[in-house]
Every structure is written in structure tokens, then in C-alpha cells.
Amino acid sequence: MDLDAVVGLEEQLLAQGHAEGYQDGLRLGRQEGRETGLEHGFMIGDELGFMWGCAVAWQQVIQAATSSRFSPRASKAVLQLQQLISDFPIANPEDERFDSLLSHIRARFRLTCSLMSQPHLALHSHPAQQSSSLEF
């Protein structure tokens, strides 16, 4: 076997390895991207669900209150929070306003918590984080 054949074989094997690696990268990249997207989507949905549940509970507390314990501003903030959450583009995460709307909802939630005398209310843990700490 002469030197040209060895060099040609090396280049051929390098090209073949590159092509196989590229195809594996495409396949695994899509799979990892899907898994990451599902996990991130679940966390956002969990957070929005928590805020929605708080807003519904606050609305019921405000309606059941016999005195003027809660200001009209608090009632308005709860309704605005519910409206923002219901308008959130869950079906279209590629919406250009996705991140800004989520930030606005979080800010409105913090304001509403303060108006409802719950300034430190927050969703602290996600089930995905809890399950990753399990060991067998």
C-alpha cells in the first residue's frame, strides 16, 4: 500500500465519521430540544396555573368579604391579572410578545400579592426539580 492510498483512506474515513456525527447530532439535537422545550413549557404552565389559582381564590375572598377589607384597587388588580393570564399565547410560544407578556404577568402578580397582603407568596418548587433529586 503506497502513501497516497493511506492518505486517501484517512480522508475518506474522516469524511465518513463527520457525516455520521453530523446526522447523529441532528437527531439528538432535535430530541434534546424537544425535551428541553417540554420541560420549560411545563414550568411556565405550572407557574401560570399557580398564579391563576391565586387570582381565582383572591376573587372569591374579595367577593365574600363583608367589610371593605380589600381596596377597589386590589379587586381591579386581581381582574387584570386574570385577564393577562387568559390572554397569554399558550398555543403560540413563538409569539414575539411571549417573554414580555410573561414578565408583565409576573410583575402584575407581585403587585397583586402586595395589594392582597401576601407579599412573599411564590411558587417555590417544580415537580421536575423534585423528581431529579430522587436516588435509588
N, C-alpha and C. Protein backbone atom coordinates (compact mmCIF):
# COMPACT_ATOMS: atom_id res chain seq x y z
N MET A 1 0.86 -1.17 0.00
CA MET A 1 0.00 0.00 0.00
C MET A 1 0.90 1.23 0.00
N ASP A 2 0.66 2.11 -0.92
CA ASP A 2 1.51 3.29 -1.01
C ASP A 2 0.95 4.43 -0.17
N LEU A 3 1.71 5.49 -0.06
CA LEU A 3 1.38 6.62 0.81
C LEU A 3 0.10 7.33 0.36
N ASP A 4 -0.11 7.44 -0.95
CA ASP A 4 -1.32 8.11 -1.45
C ASP A 4 -2.59 7.35 -1.05
N ALA A 5 -2.53 6.03 -1.05
CA ALA A 5 -3.69 5.23 -0.66
C ALA A 5 -3.99 5.41 0.82
N VAL A 6 -2.95 5.50 1.65
CA VAL A 6 -3.14 5.69 3.09
C VAL A 6 -3.75 7.06 3.37
N VAL A 7 -3.24 8.09 2.70
CA VAL A 7 -3.77 9.44 2.89
C VAL A 7 -5.22 9.51 2.40
N GLY A 8 -5.51 8.88 1.27
CA GLY A 8 -6.87 8.86 0.74
C GLY A 8 -7.83 8.12 1.66
N LEU A 9 -7.37 7.00 2.24
CA LEU A 9 -8.19 6.24 3.17
C LEU A 9 -8.49 7.06 4.42
N GLU A 10 -7.47 7.78 4.92
CA GLU A 10 -7.66 8.62 6.11
C GLU A 10 -8.69 9.71 5.84
N GLU A 11 -8.59 10.36 4.69
CA GLU A 11 -9.54 11.42 4.34
C GLU A 11 -10.95 10.87 4.17
N GLN A 12 -11.05 9.68 3.57
CA GLN A 12 -12.35 9.04 3.37
C GLN A 12 -12.99 8.70 4.72
N LEU A 13 -12.21 8.13 5.63
CA LEU A 13 -12.74 7.78 6.95
C LEU A 13 -13.12 9.02 7.76
N LEU A 14 -12.32 10.08 7.63
CA LEU A 14 -12.64 11.34 8.30
C LEU A 14 -13.97 11.91 7.79
N ALA A 15 -14.15 11.90 6.48
CA ALA A 15 -15.40 12.42 5.89
C ALA A 15 -16.58 11.56 6.32
N GLN A 16 -16.40 10.25 6.34
CA GLN A 16 -17.47 9.34 6.75
C GLN A 16 -17.83 9.57 8.23
N GLY A 17 -16.82 9.72 9.08
CA GLY A 17 -17.06 9.98 10.50
C GLY A 17 -17.77 11.31 10.72
N HIS A 18 -17.37 12.32 9.94
CA HIS A 18 -18.01 13.63 10.05
C HIS A 18 -19.48 13.54 9.65
N ALA A 19 -19.77 12.84 8.56
CA ALA A 19 -21.15 12.71 8.10
C ALA A 19 -22.01 11.97 9.12
N GLU A 20 -21.47 10.88 9.67
CA GLU A 20 -22.23 10.13 10.68
C GLU A 20 -22.45 10.96 11.94
N GLY A 21 -21.43 11.68 12.37
CA GLY A 21 -21.55 12.53 13.55
C GLY A 21 -22.55 13.65 13.34
N TYR A 22 -22.54 14.22 12.14
CA TYR A 22 -23.48 15.30 11.82
C TYR A 22 -24.92 14.79 11.89
N GLN A 23 -25.18 13.62 11.30
CA GLN A 23 -26.53 13.05 11.33
C GLN A 23 -26.96 12.71 12.76
N ASP A 24 -26.06 12.15 13.55
CA ASP A 24 -26.37 11.86 14.95
C ASP A 24 -26.66 13.14 15.72
N GLY A 25 -25.90 14.19 15.43
CA GLY A 25 -26.11 15.48 16.09
C GLY A 25 -27.46 16.08 15.75
N LEU A 26 -27.86 15.96 14.49
CA LEU A 26 -29.19 16.45 14.10
C LEU A 26 -30.29 15.71 14.85
N ARG A 27 -30.18 14.39 14.89
CA ARG A 27 -31.21 13.58 15.54
C ARG A 27 -31.25 13.86 17.04
N LEU A 28 -30.09 13.84 17.68
CA LEU A 28 -30.05 14.07 19.13
C LEU A 28 -30.39 15.51 19.49
N GLY A 29 -30.00 16.45 18.64
CA GLY A 29 -30.31 17.86 18.89
C GLY A 29 -31.81 18.11 18.89
N ARG A 30 -32.50 17.50 17.95
CA ARG A 30 -33.97 17.64 17.91
C ARG A 30 -34.60 17.02 19.16
N GLN A 31 -34.11 15.85 19.51
CA GLN A 31 -34.65 15.15 20.68
C GLN A 31 -34.41 15.95 21.96
N GLU A 32 -33.19 16.43 22.14
CA GLU A 32 -32.88 17.22 23.34
C GLU A 32 -33.64 18.54 23.34
N GLY A 33 -33.78 19.15 22.16
CA GLY A 33 -34.55 20.39 22.06
C GLY A 33 -36.01 20.19 22.42
N ARG A 34 -36.57 19.08 21.99
CA ARG A 34 -37.96 18.77 22.33
C ARG A 34 -38.12 18.56 23.82
N GLU A 35 -37.20 17.80 24.42
CA GLU A 35 -37.27 17.55 25.86
C GLU A 35 -37.13 18.84 26.65
N THR A 36 -36.19 19.69 26.24
CA THR A 36 -35.99 20.97 26.93
C THR A 36 -37.21 21.86 26.77
N GLY A 37 -37.78 21.88 25.57
CA GLY A 37 -38.99 22.67 25.33
C GLY A 37 -40.17 22.21 26.16
N LEU A 38 -40.34 20.90 26.26
CA LEU A 38 -41.43 20.37 27.07
C LEU A 38 -41.24 20.71 28.54
N GLU A 39 -40.01 20.58 29.02
CA GLU A 39 -39.73 20.89 30.43
C GLU A 39 -39.96 22.37 30.71
N HIS A 40 -39.46 23.23 29.83
CA HIS A 40 -39.62 24.68 30.01
C HIS A 40 -41.10 25.06 29.91
N GLY A 41 -41.80 24.47 28.95
CA GLY A 41 -43.23 24.74 28.81
C GLY A 41 -44.02 24.30 30.03
N PHE A 42 -43.64 23.16 30.60
CA PHE A 42 -44.31 22.68 31.81
C PHE A 42 -44.10 23.66 32.96
N MET A 43 -42.88 24.15 33.11
CA MET A 43 -42.59 25.08 34.21
C MET A 43 -43.38 26.38 34.05
N ILE A 44 -43.48 26.88 32.82
CA ILE A 44 -44.26 28.11 32.59
C ILE A 44 -45.74 27.85 32.85
N GLY A 45 -46.24 26.72 32.38
CA GLY A 45 -47.64 26.37 32.64
C GLY A 45 -47.92 26.19 34.11
N ASP A 46 -46.98 25.59 34.82
CA ASP A 46 -47.12 25.40 36.27
C ASP A 46 -47.19 26.76 36.97
N GLU A 47 -46.32 27.66 36.57
CA GLU A 47 -46.28 29.00 37.16
C GLU A 47 -47.57 29.77 36.85
N LEU A 48 -48.01 29.73 35.60
CA LEU A 48 -49.25 30.43 35.23
C LEU A 48 -50.46 29.82 35.94
N GLY A 49 -50.48 28.51 36.07
CA GLY A 49 -51.57 27.85 36.78
C GLY A 49 -51.62 28.24 38.24
N PHE A 50 -50.44 28.35 38.86
CA PHE A 50 -50.36 28.78 40.25
C PHE A 50 -50.91 30.20 40.40
N MET A 51 -50.49 31.10 39.50
CA MET A 51 -50.96 32.48 39.57
C MET A 51 -52.46 32.57 39.30
N TRP A 52 -52.96 31.76 38.35
CA TRP A 52 -54.39 31.75 38.05
C TRP A 52 -55.18 31.27 39.27
N GLY A 53 -54.70 30.22 39.91
CA GLY A 53 -55.37 29.70 41.10
C GLY A 53 -55.41 30.72 42.21
N CYS A 54 -54.31 31.44 42.40
CA CYS A 54 -54.29 32.50 43.42
C CYS A 54 -55.30 33.58 43.08
N ALA A 55 -55.35 33.97 41.80
CA ALA A 55 -56.28 35.03 41.38
C ALA A 55 -57.73 34.61 41.60
N VAL A 56 -58.06 33.37 41.28
CA VAL A 56 -59.43 32.87 41.49
C VAL A 56 -59.76 32.86 42.98
N ALA A 57 -58.82 32.39 43.80
CA ALA A 57 -59.05 32.36 45.25
C ALA A 57 -59.21 33.78 45.80
N TRP A 58 -58.37 34.69 45.35
CA TRP A 58 -58.47 36.08 45.81
C TRP A 58 -59.81 36.69 45.41
N GLN A 59 -60.24 36.41 44.19
CA GLN A 59 -61.51 36.95 43.72
C GLN A 59 -62.65 36.46 44.61
N GLN A 60 -62.63 35.20 44.99
CA GLN A 60 -63.66 34.66 45.87
C GLN A 60 -63.58 35.27 47.26
N VAL A 61 -62.38 35.48 47.76
CA VAL A 61 -62.20 36.10 49.08
C VAL A 61 -62.73 37.53 49.07
N ILE A 62 -62.43 38.26 48.00
CA ILE A 62 -62.90 39.65 47.89
C ILE A 62 -64.42 39.69 47.84
N GLN A 63 -65.03 38.79 47.07
CA GLN A 63 -66.49 38.76 46.95
C GLN A 63 -67.16 38.35 48.26
N ALA A 64 -66.50 37.49 49.03
CA ALA A 64 -67.08 37.01 50.29
C ALA A 64 -66.82 37.95 51.46
N ALA A 65 -65.91 38.90 51.30
CA ALA A 65 -65.58 39.82 52.39
C ALA A 65 -66.79 40.69 52.71
N THR A 66 -67.10 40.78 54.00
CA THR A 66 -68.26 41.56 54.42
C THR A 66 -67.92 43.03 54.61
N SER A 67 -66.69 43.31 54.90
CA SER A 67 -66.29 44.71 55.11
C SER A 67 -65.45 45.17 53.91
N SER A 68 -65.00 46.38 54.01
CA SER A 68 -64.15 46.92 52.94
C SER A 68 -62.68 46.60 53.25
N ARG A 69 -62.43 45.34 53.53
CA ARG A 69 -61.08 44.91 53.89
C ARG A 69 -60.11 45.07 52.71
N PHE A 70 -60.62 44.87 51.51
CA PHE A 70 -59.78 44.96 50.32
C PHE A 70 -60.17 46.19 49.52
N SER A 71 -59.19 46.89 49.03
CA SER A 71 -59.45 48.12 48.29
C SER A 71 -59.97 47.80 46.89
N PRO A 72 -60.64 48.75 46.28
CA PRO A 72 -61.07 48.55 44.89
C PRO A 72 -59.87 48.33 43.96
N ARG A 73 -58.75 48.89 44.34
CA ARG A 73 -57.52 48.70 43.56
C ARG A 73 -57.09 47.23 43.58
N ALA A 74 -57.23 46.57 44.73
CA ALA A 74 -56.88 45.15 44.83
C ALA A 74 -57.81 44.31 43.95
N SER A 75 -59.09 44.62 43.99
CA SER A 75 -60.06 43.89 43.16
C SER A 75 -59.75 44.08 41.68
N LYS A 76 -59.42 45.29 41.30
CA LYS A 76 -59.07 45.58 39.91
C LYS A 76 -57.80 44.84 39.51
N ALA A 77 -56.82 44.79 40.40
CA ALA A 77 -55.55 44.10 40.11
C ALA A 77 -55.78 42.61 39.89
N VAL A 78 -56.67 42.01 40.68
CA VAL A 78 -56.98 40.58 40.52
C VAL A 78 -57.61 40.34 39.15
N LEU A 79 -58.56 41.18 38.78
CA LEU A 79 -59.21 41.03 37.47
C LEU A 79 -58.22 41.23 36.33
N GLN A 80 -57.32 42.20 36.47
CA GLN A 80 -56.32 42.44 35.43
C GLN A 80 -55.36 41.26 35.32
N LEU A 81 -54.99 40.68 36.46
CA LEU A 81 -54.11 39.51 36.45
C LEU A 81 -54.79 38.35 35.71
N GLN A 82 -56.05 38.11 36.01
CA GLN A 82 -56.79 37.05 35.33
C GLN A 82 -56.87 37.31 33.82
N GLN A 83 -57.09 38.55 33.45
CA GLN A 83 -57.18 38.89 32.03
C GLN A 83 -55.84 38.67 31.33
N LEU A 84 -54.75 39.08 31.97
CA LEU A 84 -53.42 38.88 31.38
C LEU A 84 -53.11 37.40 31.19
N ILE A 85 -53.43 36.60 32.19
CA ILE A 85 -53.15 35.16 32.09
C ILE A 85 -54.01 34.52 31.01
N SER A 86 -55.28 34.90 30.93
CA SER A 86 -56.15 34.30 29.90
C SER A 86 -55.76 34.75 28.49
N ASP A 87 -55.12 35.91 28.35
CA ASP A 87 -54.68 36.40 27.04
C ASP A 87 -53.30 35.88 26.65
N PHE A 88 -52.63 35.15 27.54
CA PHE A 88 -51.27 34.67 27.28
C PHE A 88 -51.28 33.66 26.13
N PRO A 89 -50.35 33.80 25.17
CA PRO A 89 -50.35 32.93 23.98
C PRO A 89 -49.79 31.53 24.26
N ILE A 90 -50.58 30.69 24.90
CA ILE A 90 -50.13 29.34 25.24
C ILE A 90 -49.93 28.50 23.97
N ALA A 91 -50.80 28.66 23.00
CA ALA A 91 -50.72 27.85 21.79
C ALA A 91 -49.64 28.32 20.82
N ASN A 92 -49.11 29.51 21.01
CA ASN A 92 -48.12 30.04 20.08
C ASN A 92 -46.92 30.60 20.84
N PRO A 93 -45.99 29.73 21.28
CA PRO A 93 -44.84 30.23 22.03
C PRO A 93 -43.86 31.02 21.18
N GLU A 94 -44.06 31.05 19.86
CA GLU A 94 -43.18 31.83 19.00
C GLU A 94 -43.65 33.27 18.86
N ASP A 95 -44.72 33.62 19.56
CA ASP A 95 -45.22 34.99 19.55
C ASP A 95 -44.12 35.92 20.03
N GLU A 96 -43.92 37.00 19.32
CA GLU A 96 -42.84 37.95 19.65
C GLU A 96 -43.01 38.54 21.05
N ARG A 97 -44.23 38.60 21.52
CA ARG A 97 -44.51 39.22 22.81
C ARG A 97 -44.44 38.23 23.97
N PHE A 98 -44.11 36.97 23.71
CA PHE A 98 -44.15 35.91 24.72
C PHE A 98 -43.39 36.29 25.99
N ASP A 99 -42.12 36.65 25.86
CA ASP A 99 -41.30 36.96 27.03
C ASP A 99 -41.77 38.23 27.74
N SER A 100 -42.13 39.25 26.97
CA SER A 100 -42.57 40.50 27.60
C SER A 100 -43.91 40.31 28.31
N LEU A 101 -44.81 39.52 27.73
CA LEU A 101 -46.09 39.25 28.40
C LEU A 101 -45.89 38.45 29.68
N LEU A 102 -44.99 37.47 29.63
CA LEU A 102 -44.72 36.67 30.83
C LEU A 102 -44.13 37.55 31.93
N SER A 103 -43.21 38.44 31.57
CA SER A 103 -42.64 39.37 32.55
C SER A 103 -43.71 40.29 33.12
N HIS A 104 -44.61 40.75 32.26
CA HIS A 104 -45.70 41.64 32.70
C HIS A 104 -46.64 40.90 33.66
N ILE A 105 -46.94 39.64 33.36
CA ILE A 105 -47.80 38.84 34.24
C ILE A 105 -47.13 38.65 35.60
N ARG A 106 -45.84 38.36 35.59
CA ARG A 106 -45.12 38.18 36.86
C ARG A 106 -45.12 39.46 37.69
N ALA A 107 -44.93 40.59 37.02
CA ALA A 107 -44.95 41.88 37.73
C ALA A 107 -46.34 42.17 38.29
N ARG A 108 -47.37 41.89 37.50
CA ARG A 108 -48.75 42.10 37.96
C ARG A 108 -49.06 41.18 39.14
N PHE A 109 -48.54 39.95 39.11
CA PHE A 109 -48.76 39.01 40.21
C PHE A 109 -48.11 39.53 41.49
N ARG A 110 -46.89 40.05 41.39
CA ARG A 110 -46.22 40.60 42.58
C ARG A 110 -46.99 41.78 43.13
N LEU A 111 -47.49 42.65 42.27
CA LEU A 111 -48.29 43.79 42.70
C LEU A 111 -49.57 43.32 43.39
N THR A 112 -50.24 42.35 42.78
CA THR A 112 -51.48 41.84 43.35
C THR A 112 -51.23 41.17 44.69
N CYS A 113 -50.14 40.43 44.80
CA CYS A 113 -49.77 39.81 46.09
C CYS A 113 -49.63 40.89 47.16
N SER A 114 -48.97 41.96 46.81
CA SER A 114 -48.78 43.05 47.77
C SER A 114 -50.12 43.67 48.17
N LEU A 115 -50.99 43.91 47.20
CA LEU A 115 -52.29 44.51 47.49
C LEU A 115 -53.18 43.57 48.30
N MET A 116 -52.96 42.27 48.16
CA MET A 116 -53.76 41.29 48.90
C MET A 116 -53.07 40.88 50.20
N SER A 117 -52.08 41.62 50.62
CA SER A 117 -51.33 41.37 51.87
C SER A 117 -50.64 40.00 51.87
N GLN A 118 -50.14 39.61 50.72
CA GLN A 118 -49.40 38.36 50.56
C GLN A 118 -48.09 38.64 49.82
N PRO A 119 -47.24 39.53 50.34
CA PRO A 119 -46.07 39.98 49.56
C PRO A 119 -45.03 38.90 49.28
N HIS A 120 -45.02 37.82 50.03
CA HIS A 120 -43.97 36.81 49.83
C HIS A 120 -44.51 35.52 49.21
N LEU A 121 -45.70 35.58 48.64
CA LEU A 121 -46.30 34.40 48.03
C LEU A 121 -45.61 34.10 46.71
N ALA A 122 -45.12 32.86 46.56
CA ALA A 122 -44.43 32.48 45.32
C ALA A 122 -44.45 30.97 45.16
N LEU A 123 -44.34 30.54 43.94
CA LEU A 123 -44.22 29.12 43.63
C LEU A 123 -42.76 28.76 43.79
N HIS A 124 -42.44 27.97 44.81
CA HIS A 124 -41.03 27.72 45.14
C HIS A 124 -40.44 26.50 44.46
N SER A 125 -41.22 25.49 44.19
CA SER A 125 -40.63 24.28 43.62
C SER A 125 -41.47 23.75 42.48
N HIS A 126 -40.80 23.08 41.58
CA HIS A 126 -41.46 22.45 40.44
C HIS A 126 -41.30 20.95 40.58
N PRO A 127 -42.32 20.17 40.22
CA PRO A 127 -42.21 18.71 40.31
C PRO A 127 -41.01 18.16 39.55
N ALA A 128 -40.64 18.78 38.43
CA ALA A 128 -39.50 18.29 37.66
C ALA A 128 -38.21 18.40 38.47
N GLN A 129 -38.09 19.46 39.26
CA GLN A 129 -36.91 19.63 40.09
C GLN A 129 -36.91 18.63 41.23
N GLN A 130 -38.07 18.34 41.79
CA GLN A 130 -38.15 17.41 42.90
C GLN A 130 -37.81 16.00 42.46
N SER A 131 -38.30 15.58 41.29
CA SER A 131 -38.07 14.21 40.85
C SER A 131 -36.62 13.97 40.47
N SER A 132 -35.89 15.02 40.08
CA SER A 132 -34.50 14.83 39.68
C SER A 132 -33.60 14.55 40.88
N SER A 133 -34.08 14.80 42.08
CA SER A 133 -33.25 14.56 43.26
C SER A 133 -33.46 13.16 43.83
N LEU A 134 -34.33 12.38 43.22
CA LEU A 134 -34.57 11.02 43.71
C LEU A 134 -33.38 10.13 43.36
N GLU A 135 -33.00 9.31 44.32
CA GLU A 135 -31.91 8.37 44.09
C GLU A 135 -32.36 6.98 44.50
N PHE A 136 -31.92 5.99 43.77
CA PHE A 136 -32.26 4.61 44.08
C PHE A 136 -30.99 3.83 44.33
